[in-house]
Amino acid sequence: MKNVIKFLLFIIYSTIIFFLPNNKFILLLIIFHLFIIFFYKIQFKKIITKSVHILPFIIFTFLINCILDNLSNALWMGIKLFMVCNITIIYSEITSVFAMAETIKLICSPLKILKVNADEIKVMVSISLSMIPILRKELHEIREACVAKNIVFNVKNMKIILSKFLISLITRVNNIEESLIAKGYSNE
């Protein structure tokens, strides 16, 4: 139940960030994020590294908002988006994949009235979250192989790169399916 409360607070907090006015509340949120990082003893370097990876997305969003709105609102939207991404990184650091899957199962348990199996949702969430680092590693290995073969990692060569990635992805999904069948898991 503790994980459900933590998850719901995370969702509410992430949503509230976008409804706050564009002023000094952002400074309070930054202080709050630093407090959480130090309270849970999360490595600050890890948070910075993961935050740098999302910067292209935030910059892209900032530029789109500059085009569609004014510079001030675009800047505030970029800051708020960065804050939401930052709290998501913190949440993923303090919660395991199993705990997240168990939380989703508990939240979805009232759907039993509609004959939705919460255990199946738990398995899907667990597999999905576990696949993210595996797919990231696969993409990194493909990128290294392209560098070794002097293939430039660009749009022109995307057919070669994506075909290798999709073949690897389909192979992994097939392996997961075979292991679930071998364990007697049925979708019926």
C-alpha atoms as a PDB file:
ATOM      1  CA  MET A   1       0.000   0.000   0.000  1.00  0.00           C
ATOM      2  CA  LYS A   2       2.961   2.294   0.651  1.00  0.00           C
ATOM      3  CA  ASN A   3       4.026   1.981  -3.000  1.00  0.00           C
ATOM      4  CA  VAL A   4       0.512   2.825  -4.197  1.00  0.00           C
ATOM      5  CA  ILE A   5       0.503   6.006  -2.122  1.00  0.00           C
ATOM      6  CA  LYS A   6       3.989   6.889  -3.379  1.00  0.00           C
ATOM      7  CA  PHE A   7       2.864   6.286  -6.993  1.00  0.00           C
ATOM      8  CA  LEU A   8      -0.304   8.356  -6.630  1.00  0.00           C
ATOM      9  CA  LEU A   9       1.653  11.193  -4.984  1.00  0.00           C
ATOM     10  CA  PHE A  10       4.132  11.035  -7.864  1.00  0.00           C
ATOM     11  CA  ILE A  11       1.320  11.289 -10.443  1.00  0.00           C
ATOM     12  CA  ILE A  12      -0.397  14.136  -8.580  1.00  0.00           C
ATOM     13  CA  TYR A  13       2.880  15.999  -8.058  1.00  0.00           C
ATOM     14  CA  SER A  14       3.871  15.610 -11.722  1.00  0.00           C
ATOM     15  CA  THR A  15       0.502  16.961 -12.808  1.00  0.00           C
ATOM     16  CA  ILE A  16       0.514  19.875 -10.359  1.00  0.00           C
ATOM     17  CA  ILE A  17       3.872  21.098 -11.679  1.00  0.00           C
ATOM     18  CA  PHE A  18       2.209  22.123 -14.956  1.00  0.00           C
ATOM     19  CA  PHE A  19      -0.568  24.027 -13.181  1.00  0.00           C
ATOM     20  CA  LEU A  20       1.709  26.110 -10.972  1.00  0.00           C
ATOM     21  CA  PRO A  21       2.128  29.761 -11.907  1.00  0.00           C
ATOM     22  CA  ASN A  22       5.352  30.819 -13.583  1.00  0.00           C
ATOM     23  CA  ASN A  23       7.173  32.218 -10.583  1.00  0.00           C
ATOM     24  CA  LYS A  24       9.131  31.381  -7.449  1.00  0.00           C
ATOM     25  CA  PHE A  25       7.292  28.069  -6.899  1.00  0.00           C
ATOM     26  CA  ILE A  26       9.765  26.515  -9.328  1.00  0.00           C
ATOM     27  CA  LEU A  27      12.614  27.372  -6.940  1.00  0.00           C
ATOM     28  CA  LEU A  28      10.755  25.594  -4.137  1.00  0.00           C
ATOM     29  CA  LEU A  29      10.316  22.544  -6.376  1.00  0.00           C
ATOM     30  CA  ILE A  30      14.037  22.477  -7.157  1.00  0.00           C
ATOM     31  CA  ILE A  31      14.781  22.562  -3.416  1.00  0.00           C
ATOM     32  CA  PHE A  32      12.222  19.788  -2.885  1.00  0.00           C
ATOM     33  CA  HIS A  33      13.862  17.648  -5.603  1.00  0.00           C
ATOM     34  CA  LEU A  34      17.289  18.148  -3.999  1.00  0.00           C
ATOM     35  CA  PHE A  35      15.825  17.176  -0.632  1.00  0.00           C
ATOM     36  CA  ILE A  36      14.410  13.937  -2.088  1.00  0.00           C
ATOM     37  CA  ILE A  37      17.746  13.147  -3.749  1.00  0.00           C
ATOM     38  CA  PHE A  38      19.638  13.580  -0.485  1.00  0.00           C
ATOM     39  CA  PHE A  39      16.941  11.875   1.619  1.00  0.00           C
ATOM     40  CA  TYR A  40      17.010   8.717  -0.508  1.00  0.00           C
ATOM     41  CA  LYS A  41      20.794   8.955  -0.953  1.00  0.00           C
ATOM     42  CA  ILE A  42      20.599   8.871  -4.746  1.00  0.00           C
ATOM     43  CA  GLN A  43      23.867   9.549  -6.548  1.00  0.00           C
ATOM     44  CA  PHE A  44      23.678  13.095  -7.870  1.00  0.00           C
ATOM     45  CA  LYS A  45      25.903  12.167 -10.817  1.00  0.00           C
ATOM     46  CA  LYS A  46      23.372   9.529 -11.932  1.00  0.00           C
ATOM     47  CA  ILE A  47      20.544  12.079 -11.859  1.00  0.00           C
ATOM     48  CA  ILE A  48      22.621  14.567 -13.884  1.00  0.00           C
ATOM     49  CA  THR A  49      23.604  11.904 -16.445  1.00  0.00           C
ATOM     50  CA  LYS A  50      20.015  10.792 -16.985  1.00  0.00           C
ATOM     51  CA  SER A  51      18.848  14.417 -17.133  1.00  0.00           C
ATOM     52  CA  VAL A  52      21.356  15.186 -19.887  1.00  0.00           C
ATOM     53  CA  HIS A  53      19.879  12.363 -21.979  1.00  0.00           C
ATOM     54  CA  ILE A  54      16.435  13.994 -21.963  1.00  0.00           C
ATOM     55  CA  LEU A  55      17.696  17.490 -22.794  1.00  0.00           C
ATOM     56  CA  PRO A  56      17.248  17.126 -26.590  1.00  0.00           C
ATOM     57  CA  PHE A  57      13.559  16.355 -26.042  1.00  0.00           C
ATOM     58  CA  ILE A  58      13.165  19.340 -23.710  1.00  0.00           C
ATOM     59  CA  ILE A  59      15.021  21.668 -26.090  1.00  0.00           C
ATOM     60  CA  PHE A  60      12.833  20.468 -28.974  1.00  0.00           C
ATOM     61  CA  THR A  61       9.708  21.174 -26.898  1.00  0.00           C
ATOM     62  CA  PHE A  62      11.110  24.580 -25.954  1.00  0.00           C
ATOM     63  CA  LEU A  63      11.708  25.458 -29.621  1.00  0.00           C
ATOM     64  CA  ILE A  64       8.208  24.359 -30.649  1.00  0.00           C
ATOM     65  CA  ASN A  65       6.752  26.474 -27.852  1.00  0.00           C
ATOM     66  CA  CYS A  66       8.885  29.437 -28.982  1.00  0.00           C
ATOM     67  CA  ILE A  67       7.345  29.144 -32.432  1.00  0.00           C
ATOM     68  CA  LEU A  68       3.769  28.678 -31.209  1.00  0.00           C
ATOM     69  CA  ASP A  69       3.890  30.995 -28.183  1.00  0.00           C
ATOM     70  CA  ASN A  70       6.214  33.603 -26.765  1.00  0.00           C
ATOM     71  CA  LEU A  71       9.720  33.106 -25.381  1.00  0.00           C
ATOM     72  CA  SER A  72       8.720  33.556 -21.741  1.00  0.00           C
ATOM     73  CA  ASN A  73       6.023  30.869 -21.806  1.00  0.00           C
ATOM     74  CA  ALA A  74       8.294  28.549 -23.781  1.00  0.00           C
ATOM     75  CA  LEU A  75      11.030  28.942 -21.165  1.00  0.00           C
ATOM     76  CA  TRP A  76       8.624  28.202 -18.303  1.00  0.00           C
ATOM     77  CA  MET A  77       7.227  25.177 -20.142  1.00  0.00           C
ATOM     78  CA  GLY A  78      10.760  23.880 -20.698  1.00  0.00           C
ATOM     79  CA  ILE A  79      11.594  24.324 -17.007  1.00  0.00           C
ATOM     80  CA  LYS A  80       8.388  22.595 -15.920  1.00  0.00           C
ATOM     81  CA  LEU A  81       8.958  19.730 -18.344  1.00  0.00           C
ATOM     82  CA  PHE A  82      12.504  19.353 -17.017  1.00  0.00           C
ATOM     83  CA  MET A  83      11.128  19.252 -13.458  1.00  0.00           C
ATOM     84  CA  VAL A  84       8.627  16.515 -14.383  1.00  0.00           C
ATOM     85  CA  CYS A  85      11.339  14.493 -16.112  1.00  0.00           C
ATOM     86  CA  ASN A  86      13.606  15.000 -13.113  1.00  0.00           C
ATOM     87  CA  ILE A  87      11.024  13.736 -10.615  1.00  0.00           C
ATOM     88  CA  THR A  88      10.358  10.782 -12.934  1.00  0.00           C
ATOM     89  CA  ILE A  89      14.067   9.929 -12.861  1.00  0.00           C
ATOM     90  CA  ILE A  90      14.058  10.209  -9.064  1.00  0.00           C
ATOM     91  CA  TYR A  91      10.954   8.007  -8.803  1.00  0.00           C
ATOM     92  CA  SER A  92      12.497   5.367 -11.057  1.00  0.00           C
ATOM     93  CA  GLU A  93      15.635   5.371  -8.901  1.00  0.00           C
ATOM     94  CA  ILE A  94      13.766   4.813  -5.624  1.00  0.00           C
ATOM     95  CA  THR A  95      11.273   2.236  -6.945  1.00  0.00           C
ATOM     96  CA  SER A  96      12.093  -1.180  -8.372  1.00  0.00           C
ATOM     97  CA  VAL A  97      10.457  -2.655 -11.471  1.00  0.00           C
ATOM     98  CA  PHE A  98       8.731  -5.280  -9.332  1.00  0.00           C
ATOM     99  CA  ALA A  99       7.373  -2.608  -6.969  1.00  0.00           C
ATOM    100  CA  MET A 100       6.054  -0.568  -9.918  1.00  0.00           C
ATOM    101  CA  ALA A 101       4.380  -3.631 -11.444  1.00  0.00           C
ATOM    102  CA  GLU A 102       2.874  -4.582  -8.083  1.00  0.00           C
ATOM    103  CA  THR A 103       1.595  -1.020  -7.656  1.00  0.00           C
ATOM    104  CA  ILE A 104      -0.060  -1.032 -11.080  1.00  0.00           C
ATOM    105  CA  LYS A 105      -1.638  -4.388 -10.212  1.00  0.00           C
ATOM    106  CA  LEU A 106      -3.095  -2.974  -6.997  1.00  0.00           C
ATOM    107  CA  ILE A 107      -4.387   0.129  -8.762  1.00  0.00           C
ATOM    108  CA  CYS A 108      -5.974  -1.999 -11.511  1.00  0.00           C
ATOM    109  CA  SER A 109      -7.505  -4.535  -9.108  1.00  0.00           C
ATOM    110  CA  PRO A 110     -10.936  -2.775  -9.094  1.00  0.00           C
ATOM    111  CA  LEU A 111     -11.112  -3.576 -12.814  1.00  0.00           C
ATOM    112  CA  LYS A 112     -11.934  -7.166 -11.826  1.00  0.00           C
ATOM    113  CA  ILE A 113     -15.544  -5.988 -11.943  1.00  0.00           C
ATOM    114  CA  LEU A 114     -15.058  -5.587 -15.698  1.00  0.00           C
ATOM    115  CA  LYS A 115     -13.303  -8.989 -15.838  1.00  0.00           C
ATOM    116  CA  VAL A 116      -9.859  -7.480 -16.401  1.00  0.00           C
ATOM    117  CA  ASN A 117      -7.093  -9.619 -14.943  1.00  0.00           C
ATOM    118  CA  ALA A 118      -4.785  -7.377 -12.898  1.00  0.00           C
ATOM    119  CA  ASP A 119      -2.130 -10.112 -12.773  1.00  0.00           C
ATOM    120  CA  GLU A 120      -1.795  -9.990 -16.560  1.00  0.00           C
ATOM    121  CA  ILE A 121      -1.379  -6.224 -16.394  1.00  0.00           C
ATOM    122  CA  LYS A 122       1.325  -6.720 -13.764  1.00  0.00           C
ATOM    123  CA  VAL A 123       3.194  -9.152 -16.024  1.00  0.00           C
ATOM    124  CA  MET A 124       2.930  -6.801 -19.017  1.00  0.00           C
ATOM    125  CA  VAL A 125       4.190  -3.815 -16.985  1.00  0.00           C
ATOM    126  CA  SER A 126       7.030  -5.857 -15.529  1.00  0.00           C
ATOM    127  CA  ILE A 127       8.144  -7.140 -18.931  1.00  0.00           C
ATOM    128  CA  SER A 128       7.818  -3.687 -20.509  1.00  0.00           C
ATOM    129  CA  LEU A 129       9.871  -1.949 -17.839  1.00  0.00           C
ATOM    130  CA  SER A 130      12.471  -4.709 -17.855  1.00  0.00           C
ATOM    131  CA  MET A 131      12.849  -4.489 -21.632  1.00  0.00           C
ATOM    132  CA  ILE A 132      13.827  -0.798 -21.646  1.00  0.00           C
ATOM    133  CA  PRO A 133      17.439  -1.304 -20.469  1.00  0.00           C
ATOM    134  CA  ILE A 134      17.795  -4.368 -22.684  1.00  0.00           C
ATOM    135  CA  LEU A 135      16.658  -2.445 -25.768  1.00  0.00           C
ATOM    136  CA  ARG A 136      18.907   0.468 -24.862  1.00  0.00           C
ATOM    137  CA  LYS A 137      21.847  -1.937 -24.647  1.00  0.00           C
ATOM    138  CA  GLU A 138      20.924  -3.507 -28.003  1.00  0.00           C
ATOM    139  CA  LEU A 139      20.763  -0.093 -29.661  1.00  0.00           C
ATOM    140  CA  HIS A 140      24.138   0.835 -28.155  1.00  0.00           C
ATOM    141  CA  GLU A 141      25.676  -2.407 -29.472  1.00  0.00           C
ATOM    142  CA  ILE A 142      24.248  -1.742 -32.948  1.00  0.00           C
ATOM    143  CA  ARG A 143      25.650   1.786 -32.837  1.00  0.00           C
ATOM    144  CA  GLU A 144      29.095   0.430 -31.891  1.00  0.00           C
ATOM    145  CA  ALA A 145      28.904  -2.147 -34.700  1.00  0.00           C
ATOM    146  CA  CYS A 146      28.058   0.624 -37.159  1.00  0.00           C
ATOM    147  CA  VAL A 147      31.059   2.628 -35.993  1.00  0.00           C
ATOM    148  CA  ALA A 148      33.293  -0.442 -36.356  1.00  0.00           C
ATOM    149  CA  LYS A 149      32.029  -0.969 -39.934  1.00  0.00           C
ATOM    150  CA  ASN A 150      32.309   2.761 -40.780  1.00  0.00           C
ATOM    151  CA  ILE A 151      28.545   3.053 -41.204  1.00  0.00           C
ATOM    152  CA  VAL A 152      27.367   6.537 -40.311  1.00  0.00           C
ATOM    153  CA  PHE A 153      24.495   6.554 -37.809  1.00  0.00           C
ATOM    154  CA  ASN A 154      22.075   8.806 -39.787  1.00  0.00           C
ATOM    155  CA  VAL A 155      18.707   8.820 -41.542  1.00  0.00           C
ATOM    156  CA  LYS A 156      20.129   7.464 -44.802  1.00  0.00           C
ATOM    157  CA  ASN A 157      21.357   4.279 -43.099  1.00  0.00           C
ATOM    158  CA  MET A 158      18.331   3.949 -40.818  1.00  0.00           C
ATOM    159  CA  LYS A 159      16.967   0.988 -42.827  1.00  0.00           C
ATOM    160  CA  ILE A 160      20.068  -1.082 -42.000  1.00  0.00           C
ATOM    161  CA  ILE A 161      20.121  -0.004 -38.375  1.00  0.00           C
ATOM    162  CA  LEU A 162      16.401  -0.448 -37.724  1.00  0.00           C
ATOM    163  CA  SER A 163      16.316  -3.834 -39.431  1.00  0.00           C
ATOM    164  CA  LYS A 164      19.021  -5.140 -37.076  1.00  0.00           C
ATOM    165  CA  PHE A 165      17.234  -3.589 -34.111  1.00  0.00           C
ATOM    166  CA  LEU A 166      13.825  -4.994 -35.066  1.00  0.00           C
ATOM    167  CA  ILE A 167      15.251  -8.467 -35.680  1.00  0.00           C
ATOM    168  CA  SER A 168      16.814  -8.368 -32.226  1.00  0.00           C
ATOM    169  CA  LEU A 169      13.577  -7.066 -30.715  1.00  0.00           C
ATOM    170  CA  ILE A 170      11.445  -9.770 -32.347  1.00  0.00           C
ATOM    171  CA  THR A 171      13.896 -12.444 -31.206  1.00  0.00           C
ATOM    172  CA  ARG A 172      13.694 -11.199 -27.616  1.00  0.00           C
ATOM    173  CA  VAL A 173       9.891 -11.048 -27.687  1.00  0.00           C
ATOM    174  CA  ASN A 174       9.794 -14.594 -29.087  1.00  0.00           C
ATOM    175  CA  ASN A 175      12.088 -15.781 -26.277  1.00  0.00           C
ATOM    176  CA  ILE A 176       9.842 -14.158 -23.674  1.00  0.00           C
ATOM    177  CA  GLU A 177       6.765 -15.735 -25.240  1.00  0.00           C
ATOM    178  CA  GLU A 178       8.373 -19.192 -25.252  1.00  0.00           C
ATOM    179  CA  SER A 179       9.431 -18.849 -21.609  1.00  0.00           C
ATOM    180  CA  LEU A 180       5.928 -17.751 -20.555  1.00  0.00           C
ATOM    181  CA  ILE A 181       4.396 -20.706 -22.407  1.00  0.00           C
ATOM    182  CA  ALA A 182       6.938 -23.071 -20.837  1.00  0.00           C
ATOM    183  CA  LYS A 183       5.953 -21.773 -17.387  1.00  0.00           C
ATOM    184  CA  GLY A 184       2.317 -22.464 -18.135  1.00  0.00           C
ATOM    185  CA  TYR A 185       1.211 -18.837 -18.414  1.00  0.00           C
ATOM    186  CA  SER A 186      -1.909 -18.605 -20.568  1.00  0.00           C
ATOM    187  CA  ASN A 187      -3.772 -15.598 -21.879  1.00  0.00           C
ATOM    188  CA  GLU A 188      -7.128 -17.315 -21.551  1.00  0.00           C
END
